[in-house]
Amino acid sequence: MYSLENLGGDLQIATKKAESVIPIATLLEKYSFIQKIKGEVQIEALKELTTKKGEQTFLLALVLNDDFDSVKLNIWGMDAVEILGIIEDGCFIMISNLSVKINTYTQ
């Protein structure tokens, strides 16, 4: 499964569902970097983890859904805590500047 990681981009909360121009699945198949992605949020978990270097960090696991597919979205560090404070299940968001990666946290 794929993971989208925010690369210091913006997260915007939408007040209504926006029309998807390109389905999430199509973006994932073609690109390793996505400029903007929109969808409905499903919050899975906020975890506190210890990195390999022994540092404490947070991982916010979300699922972003559009009309065609869904993708896991991992947000790390204090960004995870801040974003959890401004989103809720079912809200529609747009996130920019994401890299697409396969990793153990998306399984």
Protein backbone atom coordinates (compact mmCIF):
# COMPACT_ATOMS: atom_id res chain seq x y z
CA MET A 1 0.00 0.00 0.00
CA TYR A 2 1.13 3.57 -0.59
CA SER A 3 1.67 6.36 1.88
CA LEU A 4 1.55 10.07 1.22
CA GLU A 5 3.93 12.12 3.30
CA ASN A 6 3.51 15.85 3.69
CA LEU A 7 6.65 17.71 2.64
CA GLY A 8 5.99 20.97 4.46
CA GLY A 9 2.97 21.79 2.34
CA ASP A 10 -0.38 23.22 3.24
CA LEU A 11 -3.49 21.52 4.52
CA GLN A 12 -6.78 23.24 3.79
CA ILE A 13 -10.17 22.30 5.21
CA ALA A 14 -12.97 22.49 2.67
CA THR A 15 -16.51 23.37 3.67
CA LYS A 16 -18.02 21.12 0.99
CA LYS A 17 -16.95 18.24 -1.17
CA ALA A 18 -14.88 19.33 -4.16
CA GLU A 19 -15.04 17.63 -7.54
CA SER A 20 -12.10 15.28 -8.08
CA VAL A 21 -10.36 15.93 -11.37
CA ILE A 22 -7.97 12.96 -11.23
CA PRO A 23 -8.75 9.92 -9.02
CA ILE A 24 -6.28 9.18 -6.21
CA ALA A 25 -5.48 5.75 -7.69
CA THR A 26 -4.44 7.35 -10.98
CA LEU A 27 -2.13 9.80 -9.20
CA LEU A 28 -0.47 6.99 -7.24
CA GLU A 29 0.17 4.90 -10.33
CA LYS A 30 1.79 7.72 -12.30
CA TYR A 31 3.67 9.96 -9.86
CA SER A 32 6.08 9.84 -6.92
CA PHE A 33 5.26 13.46 -6.04
CA ILE A 34 1.78 14.97 -5.92
CA GLN A 35 1.30 18.71 -5.91
CA LYS A 36 -2.26 18.68 -4.51
CA ILE A 37 -4.72 16.01 -3.44
CA LYS A 38 -8.30 16.36 -2.15
CA GLY A 39 -10.60 13.97 -0.35
CA GLU A 40 -12.64 13.02 2.67
CA VAL A 41 -10.69 12.21 5.85
CA GLN A 42 -11.06 9.13 8.00
CA ILE A 43 -8.86 9.25 11.14
CA GLU A 44 -7.34 5.87 12.00
CA ALA A 45 -4.96 6.55 14.90
CA LEU A 46 -2.51 8.86 16.61
CA LYS A 47 0.50 6.92 17.91
CA GLU A 48 3.51 7.93 19.95
CA LEU A 49 6.60 6.12 18.64
CA THR A 50 10.30 5.88 19.39
CA THR A 51 12.55 6.32 16.34
CA LYS A 52 15.63 4.18 15.65
CA LYS A 53 17.66 7.06 17.10
CA GLY A 54 15.69 6.83 20.38
CA GLU A 55 13.70 10.05 19.85
CA GLN A 56 9.99 10.29 20.69
CA THR A 57 7.69 11.28 17.81
CA PHE A 58 4.05 11.09 16.78
CA LEU A 59 2.41 9.39 13.81
CA LEU A 60 -1.10 10.37 12.70
CA ALA A 61 -2.58 7.73 10.38
CA LEU A 62 -5.40 8.92 8.13
CA VAL A 63 -7.24 7.56 5.13
CA LEU A 64 -8.05 10.03 2.36
CA ASN A 65 -10.99 8.98 0.15
CA ASP A 66 -12.21 10.32 -3.15
CA ASP A 67 -15.10 9.04 -5.28
CA PHE A 68 -12.94 6.26 -6.73
CA ASP A 69 -10.36 5.06 -4.20
CA SER A 70 -8.60 5.69 -0.90
CA VAL A 71 -5.02 6.09 0.26
CA LYS A 72 -3.27 6.08 3.63
CA LEU A 73 -1.75 9.37 4.70
CA ASN A 74 0.94 9.44 7.41
CA ILE A 75 1.75 12.69 9.18
CA TRP A 76 4.77 12.72 11.46
CA GLY A 77 5.99 14.72 14.46
CA MET A 78 4.27 17.72 15.99
CA ASP A 79 2.50 18.31 12.66
CA ALA A 80 0.47 15.19 13.50
CA VAL A 81 -0.73 16.65 16.80
CA GLU A 82 -1.49 20.07 15.29
CA ILE A 83 -3.43 18.64 12.35
CA LEU A 84 -5.44 16.32 14.59
CA GLY A 85 -6.61 19.46 16.40
CA ILE A 86 -8.10 21.00 13.24
CA ILE A 87 -9.59 18.04 11.32
CA GLU A 88 -12.27 15.51 12.11
CA ASP A 89 -13.70 12.39 10.49
CA GLY A 90 -15.68 13.18 7.39
CA CYS A 91 -14.23 16.61 6.65
CA PHE A 92 -12.93 17.32 3.14
CA ILE A 93 -9.35 18.53 2.86
CA MET A 94 -6.79 19.48 0.28
CA ILE A 95 -3.12 18.74 1.00
CA SER A 96 -0.21 19.96 -1.11
CA ASN A 97 3.40 18.88 -1.71
CA LEU A 98 3.27 15.15 -1.00
CA SER A 99 5.69 12.36 -1.83
CA VAL A 100 4.39 8.87 -2.51
CA LYS A 101 6.25 6.05 -0.75
CA ILE A 102 5.74 2.43 0.18
CA ASN A 103 6.76 1.75 3.77
CA THR A 104 5.99 -0.43 6.79
CA TYR A 105 3.63 2.16 8.30
CA THR A 106 1.19 1.82 5.39
CA GLN A 107 0.70 -1.93 5.78
